[in-house]
Amino acid sequence: MMLRVQEILTQKGKSRYWLFQQLNMSYQSFRRMLDNETKSISKENIEVLCLILSCTPNDLFSIGEDAEAKR
């Protein structure tokens, strides 16, 4: 499973920096999340991302060969 935040940001014409300013987390945690280097994401962070990006949890995640290759 992969987080698609960067793809959604690109579609909306927003930057990583813009999103970082919206979130209340350390830059290291933020970078790991966006670079799919984290093992888990809290439901609170999923909810906040959905609200900020005007999307659903289904929009945030993709399951496919790329995600399986990272396992």
N, C-alpha and C. Protein backbone atom coordinates (compact mmCIF):
# COMPACT_ATOMS: atom_id res chain seq x y z
N MET A 1 0.84 -1.16 0.00
CA MET A 1 0.00 0.00 0.00
C MET A 1 0.89 1.23 0.00
N MET A 2 0.57 2.16 -0.85
CA MET A 2 1.37 3.39 -0.96
C MET A 2 0.48 4.61 -0.76
N LEU A 3 1.04 5.60 -0.10
CA LEU A 3 0.37 6.87 0.11
C LEU A 3 0.56 7.72 -1.14
N ARG A 4 -0.51 8.31 -1.64
CA ARG A 4 -0.49 9.06 -2.89
C ARG A 4 -0.53 10.58 -2.68
N VAL A 5 -0.05 11.06 -1.55
CA VAL A 5 -0.15 12.49 -1.23
C VAL A 5 0.56 13.35 -2.27
N GLN A 6 1.76 12.98 -2.67
CA GLN A 6 2.49 13.79 -3.65
C GLN A 6 1.71 13.90 -4.96
N GLU A 7 1.12 12.81 -5.40
CA GLU A 7 0.32 12.82 -6.63
C GLU A 7 -0.89 13.75 -6.48
N ILE A 8 -1.55 13.71 -5.33
CA ILE A 8 -2.71 14.58 -5.09
C ILE A 8 -2.27 16.05 -5.03
N LEU A 9 -1.14 16.31 -4.38
CA LEU A 9 -0.62 17.69 -4.34
C LEU A 9 -0.36 18.22 -5.75
N THR A 10 0.24 17.40 -6.58
CA THR A 10 0.54 17.80 -7.96
C THR A 10 -0.76 18.11 -8.71
N GLN A 11 -1.76 17.26 -8.56
CA GLN A 11 -3.05 17.47 -9.22
C GLN A 11 -3.71 18.77 -8.78
N LYS A 12 -3.51 19.13 -7.52
CA LYS A 12 -4.14 20.34 -6.98
C LYS A 12 -3.26 21.58 -7.12
N GLY A 13 -2.05 21.41 -7.66
CA GLY A 13 -1.16 22.54 -7.85
C GLY A 13 -0.60 23.08 -6.54
N LYS A 14 -0.45 22.20 -5.55
CA LYS A 14 0.08 22.58 -4.23
C LYS A 14 1.45 21.96 -4.03
N SER A 15 2.23 22.56 -3.15
CA SER A 15 3.58 22.07 -2.89
C SER A 15 3.64 21.29 -1.58
N ARG A 16 4.73 20.54 -1.43
CA ARG A 16 4.99 19.83 -0.17
C ARG A 16 5.08 20.84 0.97
N TYR A 17 5.73 21.97 0.72
CA TYR A 17 5.89 22.99 1.75
C TYR A 17 4.53 23.51 2.20
N TRP A 18 3.63 23.74 1.26
CA TRP A 18 2.28 24.19 1.60
C TRP A 18 1.61 23.19 2.54
N LEU A 19 1.70 21.89 2.21
CA LEU A 19 1.08 20.87 3.05
C LEU A 19 1.76 20.81 4.42
N PHE A 20 3.08 20.89 4.45
CA PHE A 20 3.80 20.87 5.72
C PHE A 20 3.32 21.98 6.64
N GLN A 21 3.07 23.15 6.09
CA GLN A 21 2.59 24.27 6.89
C GLN A 21 1.20 24.01 7.47
N GLN A 22 0.42 23.18 6.80
CA GLN A 22 -0.94 22.87 7.26
C GLN A 22 -0.96 21.84 8.38
N LEU A 23 0.07 21.00 8.44
CA LEU A 23 0.10 19.89 9.38
C LEU A 23 0.88 20.25 10.64
N ASN A 24 0.53 19.60 11.72
CA ASN A 24 1.23 19.82 12.98
C ASN A 24 2.09 18.59 13.28
N MET A 25 3.20 18.46 12.54
CA MET A 25 4.11 17.34 12.75
C MET A 25 5.53 17.78 12.43
N SER A 26 6.48 17.00 12.89
CA SER A 26 7.88 17.33 12.61
C SER A 26 8.17 17.15 11.13
N TYR A 27 9.18 17.86 10.64
CA TYR A 27 9.51 17.73 9.22
C TYR A 27 9.97 16.31 8.90
N GLN A 28 10.71 15.69 9.82
CA GLN A 28 11.19 14.33 9.58
C GLN A 28 10.02 13.35 9.42
N SER A 29 9.02 13.44 10.28
CA SER A 29 7.84 12.58 10.16
C SER A 29 7.09 12.87 8.87
N PHE A 30 6.96 14.15 8.56
CA PHE A 30 6.28 14.57 7.33
C PHE A 30 6.97 13.99 6.10
N ARG A 31 8.29 14.13 6.04
CA ARG A 31 9.05 13.64 4.89
C ARG A 31 8.91 12.12 4.76
N ARG A 32 9.04 11.43 5.87
CA ARG A 32 8.91 9.96 5.84
C ARG A 32 7.54 9.54 5.35
N MET A 33 6.52 10.24 5.79
CA MET A 33 5.16 9.92 5.36
C MET A 33 5.01 10.12 3.86
N LEU A 34 5.43 11.27 3.36
CA LEU A 34 5.27 11.56 1.94
C LEU A 34 6.15 10.69 1.05
N ASP A 35 7.29 10.25 1.57
CA ASP A 35 8.19 9.40 0.80
C ASP A 35 7.90 7.91 1.00
N ASN A 36 6.77 7.61 1.64
CA ASN A 36 6.36 6.21 1.89
C ASN A 36 7.43 5.42 2.62
N GLU A 37 8.04 6.05 3.61
CA GLU A 37 9.08 5.40 4.40
C GLU A 37 8.60 5.07 5.81
N THR A 38 7.30 5.14 6.03
CA THR A 38 6.74 4.85 7.35
C THR A 38 5.92 3.58 7.29
N LYS A 39 5.86 2.89 8.41
CA LYS A 39 5.11 1.62 8.48
C LYS A 39 3.64 1.84 8.80
N SER A 40 3.32 2.97 9.44
CA SER A 40 1.93 3.21 9.82
C SER A 40 1.64 4.71 9.81
N ILE A 41 0.35 5.02 9.68
CA ILE A 41 -0.11 6.40 9.73
C ILE A 41 -1.34 6.40 10.63
N SER A 42 -1.36 7.30 11.59
CA SER A 42 -2.48 7.33 12.53
C SER A 42 -3.77 7.74 11.81
N LYS A 43 -4.88 7.28 12.35
CA LYS A 43 -6.15 7.64 11.73
C LYS A 43 -6.38 9.15 11.81
N GLU A 44 -5.84 9.80 12.84
CA GLU A 44 -5.96 11.25 12.95
C GLU A 44 -5.24 11.94 11.79
N ASN A 45 -4.04 11.45 11.45
CA ASN A 45 -3.31 12.04 10.32
C ASN A 45 -4.02 11.78 9.00
N ILE A 46 -4.62 10.62 8.86
CA ILE A 46 -5.39 10.33 7.64
C ILE A 46 -6.56 11.29 7.54
N GLU A 47 -7.24 11.49 8.65
CA GLU A 47 -8.39 12.40 8.65
C GLU A 47 -7.98 13.82 8.30
N VAL A 48 -6.89 14.30 8.90
CA VAL A 48 -6.41 15.66 8.64
C VAL A 48 -5.99 15.80 7.17
N LEU A 49 -5.27 14.81 6.65
CA LEU A 49 -4.88 14.86 5.24
C LEU A 49 -6.10 14.93 4.33
N CYS A 50 -7.12 14.13 4.63
CA CYS A 50 -8.34 14.15 3.82
C CYS A 50 -9.02 15.51 3.87
N LEU A 51 -9.07 16.11 5.05
CA LEU A 51 -9.70 17.43 5.17
C LEU A 51 -8.91 18.49 4.42
N ILE A 52 -7.60 18.49 4.59
CA ILE A 52 -6.75 19.50 3.93
C ILE A 52 -6.78 19.34 2.41
N LEU A 53 -6.72 18.09 1.94
CA LEU A 53 -6.63 17.83 0.51
C LEU A 53 -7.99 17.63 -0.16
N SER A 54 -9.06 17.74 0.62
CA SER A 54 -10.42 17.54 0.11
C SER A 54 -10.53 16.22 -0.66
N CYS A 55 -10.17 15.15 0.03
CA CYS A 55 -10.22 13.84 -0.60
C CYS A 55 -10.71 12.80 0.41
N THR A 56 -10.81 11.57 -0.03
CA THR A 56 -11.23 10.48 0.85
C THR A 56 -10.02 9.60 1.16
N PRO A 57 -10.12 8.76 2.18
CA PRO A 57 -9.03 7.82 2.43
C PRO A 57 -8.73 6.93 1.21
N ASN A 58 -9.76 6.59 0.45
CA ASN A 58 -9.54 5.79 -0.76
C ASN A 58 -8.67 6.53 -1.76
N ASP A 59 -8.76 7.86 -1.80
CA ASP A 59 -7.93 8.66 -2.70
C ASP A 59 -6.47 8.68 -2.24
N LEU A 60 -6.26 8.59 -0.93
CA LEU A 60 -4.92 8.72 -0.36
C LEU A 60 -4.02 7.51 -0.60
N PHE A 61 -4.63 6.34 -0.74
CA PHE A 61 -3.85 5.11 -0.80
C PHE A 61 -4.04 4.37 -2.12
N SER A 62 -2.98 3.71 -2.56
CA SER A 62 -3.09 2.82 -3.72
C SER A 62 -2.45 1.49 -3.35
N ILE A 63 -3.05 0.44 -3.88
CA ILE A 63 -2.51 -0.90 -3.68
C ILE A 63 -2.17 -1.43 -5.05
N GLY A 64 -0.93 -1.88 -5.22
CA GLY A 64 -0.53 -2.38 -6.53
C GLY A 64 0.84 -2.98 -6.49
N GLU A 65 1.38 -3.22 -7.68
CA GLU A 65 2.70 -3.86 -7.80
C GLU A 65 3.79 -3.03 -7.14
N ASP A 66 3.76 -1.70 -7.28
CA ASP A 66 4.78 -0.85 -6.68
C ASP A 66 4.76 -1.01 -5.16
N ALA A 67 3.56 -1.05 -4.60
CA ALA A 67 3.44 -1.21 -3.15
C ALA A 67 3.95 -2.58 -2.71
N GLU A 68 3.65 -3.60 -3.47
CA GLU A 68 4.10 -4.95 -3.14
C GLU A 68 5.63 -5.07 -3.24
N ALA A 69 6.22 -4.36 -4.16
CA ALA A 69 7.68 -4.43 -4.35
C ALA A 69 8.41 -3.84 -3.14
N LYS A 70 7.78 -2.91 -2.43
CA LYS A 70 8.41 -2.27 -1.28
C LYS A 70 8.39 -3.17 -0.05
N ARG A 71 7.58 -4.21 -0.06
CA ARG A 71 7.44 -5.09 1.12
C ARG A 71 8.68 -5.87 1.39
